[in-house]
Amino acid sequence: MKNAHLRMGSLRFTKVLRDTKIDITLRMDRMIAEHAADNRSAQCHVLSVIGNDQEIAAIAAAIADEARFYATGPEINRLMITIGEGAEVFRSSINVPGRRRPLRHLVAISEELSKTRAGGNPSARRTILCDDDRAFLLYRISVRFGLPVLPEWSEWFGEMLERKNAIDPLIGIGCTPMVVKGTKKRFLGWMGHALKRGAITIPEHSQPTPWQVPISFSAGLQKTDDVAA
């Protein structure tokens, strides 16, 4: 990860208390956010920061309080963000050679993003995804809604999303996030019509093609891995 620090952002949290002031700035390696209606703030869906014990504890408490943060990064000026109610927070440690104490790592995801797991909110009208790779888009949508799809349909699905204006880019650090707009019923309708027209086909006699989707939650990396069909 040569020059990885150049692709990272920073997260700042400030809070004035009766006798003191909290002012913390942490390195942020991942973020997914989307502009609010006023275009002056943003709803954050993924937040990944690294710091010490006290800093990470303060950020976790601030997320629980639905506090606001300020994010900066490559091509991102000072942006006010909030994760909102129902956020999920995960914490772990990172051992670094030469350091007496491990670094602390915190990942927070919004309530909306947490429901993109398989079977989560099956009536959802939109899905937040962390990558714009077409195979990844189709794979994740199929997993969420239980759709019967084939990897060979990835390009067709990506073209349909663009043609129907059903996909938009989001704000990202360390990734190329997208929001896909559509319900299970809508996507099933697309597939039904495409099969009738011959735009997509189901091979009669062939071995299943493995999925090849990005394995790293990072923009610009070319690594892929096979996922069982």
Protein backbone atom coordinates (compact mmCIF):
# COMPACT_ATOMS: atom_id res chain seq x y z
CA MET A 1 0.00 0.00 0.00
CA LYS A 2 2.61 2.53 -1.14
CA ASN A 3 1.69 6.12 -0.19
CA ALA A 4 -1.52 4.88 1.43
CA HIS A 5 -1.51 7.92 3.71
CA LEU A 6 -2.10 10.12 0.67
CA ARG A 7 -5.41 8.36 0.04
CA MET A 8 -6.62 8.65 3.61
CA GLY A 9 -8.81 11.34 5.07
CA SER A 10 -9.31 12.74 8.54
CA LEU A 11 -12.22 12.93 10.95
CA ARG A 12 -12.55 15.74 13.46
CA PHE A 13 -14.83 15.82 16.48
CA THR A 14 -15.19 18.80 18.81
CA LYS A 15 -17.36 19.27 21.86
CA VAL A 16 -17.36 22.02 24.47
CA LEU A 17 -17.98 20.86 28.03
CA ARG A 18 -18.39 22.91 31.17
CA ASP A 19 -14.71 22.91 32.15
CA THR A 20 -12.95 21.70 29.05
CA LYS A 21 -13.13 21.15 25.31
CA ILE A 22 -12.81 17.91 23.38
CA ASP A 23 -10.99 18.31 20.07
CA ILE A 24 -9.98 15.09 18.33
CA THR A 25 -8.69 14.52 14.79
CA LEU A 26 -8.18 10.93 13.59
CA ARG A 27 -6.95 9.26 10.44
CA MET A 28 -9.84 7.92 8.37
CA ASP A 29 -9.18 5.17 5.82
CA ARG A 30 -12.76 4.57 4.65
CA MET A 31 -15.92 6.65 4.39
CA ILE A 32 -19.19 6.46 2.49
CA ALA A 33 -21.51 9.45 2.67
CA GLU A 34 -24.21 11.20 0.66
CA HIS A 35 -25.17 14.84 0.58
CA ALA A 36 -28.25 15.86 2.52
CA ALA A 37 -31.03 17.83 0.88
CA ASP A 38 -29.47 21.14 1.98
CA ASN A 39 -26.17 20.10 0.33
CA ARG A 40 -24.29 21.53 3.32
CA SER A 41 -24.07 18.32 5.35
CA ALA A 42 -24.03 14.61 4.61
CA GLN A 43 -25.46 11.36 5.88
CA CYS A 44 -22.58 9.00 6.61
CA HIS A 45 -23.04 5.27 5.95
CA VAL A 46 -19.52 3.95 6.67
CA LEU A 47 -16.83 5.38 8.89
CA SER A 48 -13.46 3.72 9.59
CA VAL A 49 -10.92 5.49 11.83
CA ILE A 50 -7.72 4.65 13.70
CA GLY A 51 -6.56 6.14 17.01
CA ASN A 52 -5.67 5.44 20.62
CA ASP A 53 -7.92 4.14 23.40
CA GLN A 54 -9.23 7.52 24.53
CA GLU A 55 -9.81 8.84 21.01
CA ILE A 56 -11.73 5.78 19.84
CA ALA A 57 -13.80 5.73 23.03
CA ALA A 58 -14.72 9.38 22.48
CA ILE A 59 -15.72 8.76 18.85
CA ALA A 60 -17.84 5.74 19.84
CA ALA A 61 -19.62 7.81 22.48
CA ALA A 62 -20.18 10.64 20.01
CA ILE A 63 -21.73 8.25 17.48
CA ALA A 64 -24.08 6.93 20.18
CA ASP A 65 -25.08 10.55 20.87
CA GLU A 66 -25.72 11.12 17.13
CA ALA A 67 -23.08 13.85 17.13
CA ARG A 68 -21.78 15.66 14.07
CA PHE A 69 -18.26 15.29 12.73
CA TYR A 70 -16.16 17.06 10.12
CA ALA A 71 -14.54 14.95 7.41
CA THR A 72 -11.81 15.89 4.95
CA GLY A 73 -9.96 13.82 2.39
CA PRO A 74 -8.74 13.53 -1.20
CA GLU A 75 -11.07 15.71 -3.29
CA ILE A 76 -13.27 16.26 -0.22
CA ASN A 77 -13.27 19.63 1.48
CA ARG A 78 -14.50 20.10 5.02
CA LEU A 79 -17.79 18.20 5.15
CA MET A 80 -20.13 17.94 8.12
CA ILE A 81 -21.38 14.38 8.55
CA THR A 82 -23.57 12.38 10.91
CA ILE A 83 -24.28 8.66 11.06
CA GLY A 84 -27.64 9.07 12.73
CA GLU A 85 -29.84 6.87 14.86
CA GLY A 86 -29.38 3.11 14.94
CA ALA A 87 -25.72 3.06 13.86
CA GLU A 88 -23.71 -0.10 14.53
CA VAL A 89 -20.17 0.25 15.89
CA PHE A 90 -17.37 -2.33 15.77
CA ARG A 91 -14.02 -1.97 17.54
CA SER A 92 -10.78 -3.92 17.32
CA SER A 93 -7.02 -3.58 17.86
CA ILE A 94 -4.15 -3.34 15.37
CA ASN A 95 -0.71 -4.46 16.54
CA VAL A 96 2.06 -2.38 14.96
CA PRO A 97 5.71 -3.50 15.18
CA GLY A 98 7.71 -1.06 17.28
CA ARG A 99 4.72 0.27 19.23
CA ARG A 100 4.21 -0.63 22.88
CA ARG A 101 0.45 -0.31 22.62
CA PRO A 102 -1.77 -1.43 19.75
CA LEU A 103 -3.73 1.05 17.71
CA ARG A 104 -7.50 0.99 18.09
CA HIS A 105 -9.72 0.65 15.04
CA LEU A 106 -13.37 1.67 14.88
CA VAL A 107 -15.84 0.97 12.08
CA ALA A 108 -19.35 2.40 12.18
CA ILE A 109 -22.16 1.73 9.72
CA SER A 110 -25.52 3.43 9.38
CA GLU A 111 -28.79 1.67 10.10
CA GLU A 112 -29.65 1.75 6.38
CA LEU A 113 -26.40 0.09 5.36
CA SER A 114 -26.72 -2.57 8.07
CA LYS A 115 -29.94 -3.73 6.43
CA THR A 116 -28.29 -4.50 3.09
CA ARG A 117 -27.27 -7.93 4.40
CA ALA A 118 -29.05 -10.96 2.95
CA GLY A 119 -32.76 -10.76 3.73
CA GLY A 120 -32.43 -7.37 5.40
CA ASN A 121 -35.42 -5.09 4.71
CA PRO A 122 -36.69 -7.01 1.63
CA SER A 123 -39.04 -4.14 0.71
CA ALA A 124 -36.17 -1.61 0.45
CA ARG A 125 -36.21 0.79 -2.49
CA ARG A 126 -32.47 1.52 -2.51
CA THR A 127 -29.20 -0.17 -1.63
CA ILE A 128 -25.91 1.43 -0.56
CA LEU A 129 -22.87 -0.36 -2.02
CA CYS A 130 -19.14 0.23 -1.53
CA ASP A 131 -17.91 -0.45 -5.09
CA ASP A 132 -18.92 0.46 -8.64
CA ASP A 133 -17.70 -2.79 -10.23
CA ARG A 134 -20.61 -4.15 -12.28
CA ALA A 135 -20.15 -7.74 -11.16
CA PHE A 136 -20.08 -6.55 -7.56
CA LEU A 137 -23.27 -4.52 -8.05
CA LEU A 138 -25.23 -7.48 -9.43
CA TYR A 139 -23.80 -9.92 -6.90
CA ARG A 140 -24.67 -7.77 -3.87
CA ILE A 141 -28.16 -6.93 -5.16
CA SER A 142 -28.82 -10.63 -5.82
CA VAL A 143 -27.64 -11.59 -2.33
CA ARG A 144 -29.77 -8.94 -0.66
CA PHE A 145 -33.00 -9.75 -2.50
CA GLY A 146 -32.41 -13.42 -3.26
CA LEU A 147 -32.47 -12.91 -7.04
CA PRO A 148 -31.65 -15.79 -9.43
CA VAL A 149 -28.84 -14.25 -11.50
CA LEU A 150 -25.71 -15.28 -13.40
CA PRO A 151 -22.31 -13.51 -13.49
CA GLU A 152 -22.65 -13.20 -17.27
CA TRP A 153 -25.49 -10.72 -16.73
CA SER A 154 -23.28 -8.17 -14.96
CA GLU A 155 -22.68 -5.88 -17.95
CA TRP A 156 -26.36 -5.97 -18.91
CA PHE A 157 -27.38 -5.12 -15.34
CA GLY A 158 -24.94 -2.22 -15.16
CA GLU A 159 -26.24 -0.83 -18.45
CA MET A 160 -29.83 -1.12 -17.23
CA LEU A 161 -29.04 0.76 -14.04
CA GLU A 162 -27.56 3.63 -16.04
CA ARG A 163 -30.31 3.62 -18.67
CA LYS A 164 -33.04 3.74 -16.02
CA ASN A 165 -31.16 6.35 -13.93
CA ALA A 166 -31.22 3.85 -11.09
CA ILE A 167 -27.66 4.37 -9.89
CA ASP A 168 -25.82 7.38 -8.47
CA PRO A 169 -22.30 7.88 -7.09
CA LEU A 170 -21.81 8.70 -3.43
CA ILE A 171 -18.99 10.44 -1.56
CA GLY A 172 -16.16 8.02 -0.85
CA ILE A 173 -12.76 7.76 0.77
CA GLY A 174 -10.90 4.53 0.00
CA CYS A 175 -13.75 3.23 -2.14
CA THR A 176 -16.09 4.12 -5.03
CA PRO A 177 -19.54 3.85 -3.41
CA MET A 178 -22.85 3.86 -5.25
CA VAL A 179 -26.53 3.90 -4.38
CA VAL A 180 -28.69 1.54 -6.45
CA LYS A 181 -32.37 2.49 -6.62
CA GLY A 182 -34.92 -0.24 -7.11
CA THR A 183 -36.99 -2.95 -5.45
CA LYS A 184 -36.85 -6.71 -5.77
CA LYS A 185 -39.99 -6.59 -7.92
CA ARG A 186 -38.43 -4.03 -10.25
CA PHE A 187 -35.24 -6.03 -10.80
CA LEU A 188 -37.20 -9.25 -11.36
CA GLY A 189 -39.23 -7.40 -14.00
CA TRP A 190 -36.06 -6.29 -15.77
CA MET A 191 -34.76 -9.85 -15.85
CA GLY A 192 -38.05 -11.28 -17.11
CA HIS A 193 -38.22 -8.85 -20.03
CA ALA A 194 -34.53 -9.30 -20.85
CA LEU A 195 -34.87 -13.09 -20.96
CA LYS A 196 -37.86 -12.82 -23.31
CA ARG A 197 -35.96 -10.47 -25.63
CA GLY A 198 -32.79 -12.54 -25.51
CA ALA A 199 -30.76 -9.71 -23.98
CA ILE A 200 -29.65 -12.23 -21.35
CA THR A 201 -29.69 -16.01 -21.56
CA ILE A 202 -29.45 -19.09 -19.36
CA PRO A 203 -26.93 -21.63 -20.73
CA GLU A 204 -28.47 -25.07 -21.13
CA HIS A 205 -25.37 -27.19 -20.64
CA SER A 206 -22.36 -25.56 -19.02
CA GLN A 207 -20.43 -25.38 -15.78
CA PRO A 208 -21.43 -22.54 -13.44
CA THR A 209 -19.26 -19.47 -13.90
CA PRO A 210 -17.74 -18.29 -10.60
CA TRP A 211 -18.31 -14.73 -9.50
CA GLN A 212 -15.29 -12.47 -9.72
CA VAL A 213 -15.80 -9.45 -7.52
CA PRO A 214 -13.40 -7.12 -5.68
CA ILE A 215 -12.11 -8.67 -2.46
CA SER A 216 -10.64 -5.48 -1.02
CA PHE A 217 -12.75 -2.62 0.27
CA SER A 218 -10.52 -0.14 -1.56
CA ALA A 219 -10.60 1.96 -4.71
CA GLY A 220 -7.95 1.42 -7.32
CA LEU A 221 -6.99 -2.15 -6.44
CA GLN A 222 -7.25 -4.73 -9.20
CA LYS A 223 -7.41 -7.86 -7.06
CA THR A 224 -10.41 -10.12 -7.54
CA ASP A 225 -11.47 -13.40 -6.06
CA ASP A 226 -13.84 -16.19 -6.97
CA VAL A 227 -17.11 -16.41 -5.11
CA ALA A 228 -19.16 -19.57 -5.25
CA ALA A 229 -21.93 -19.27 -7.81
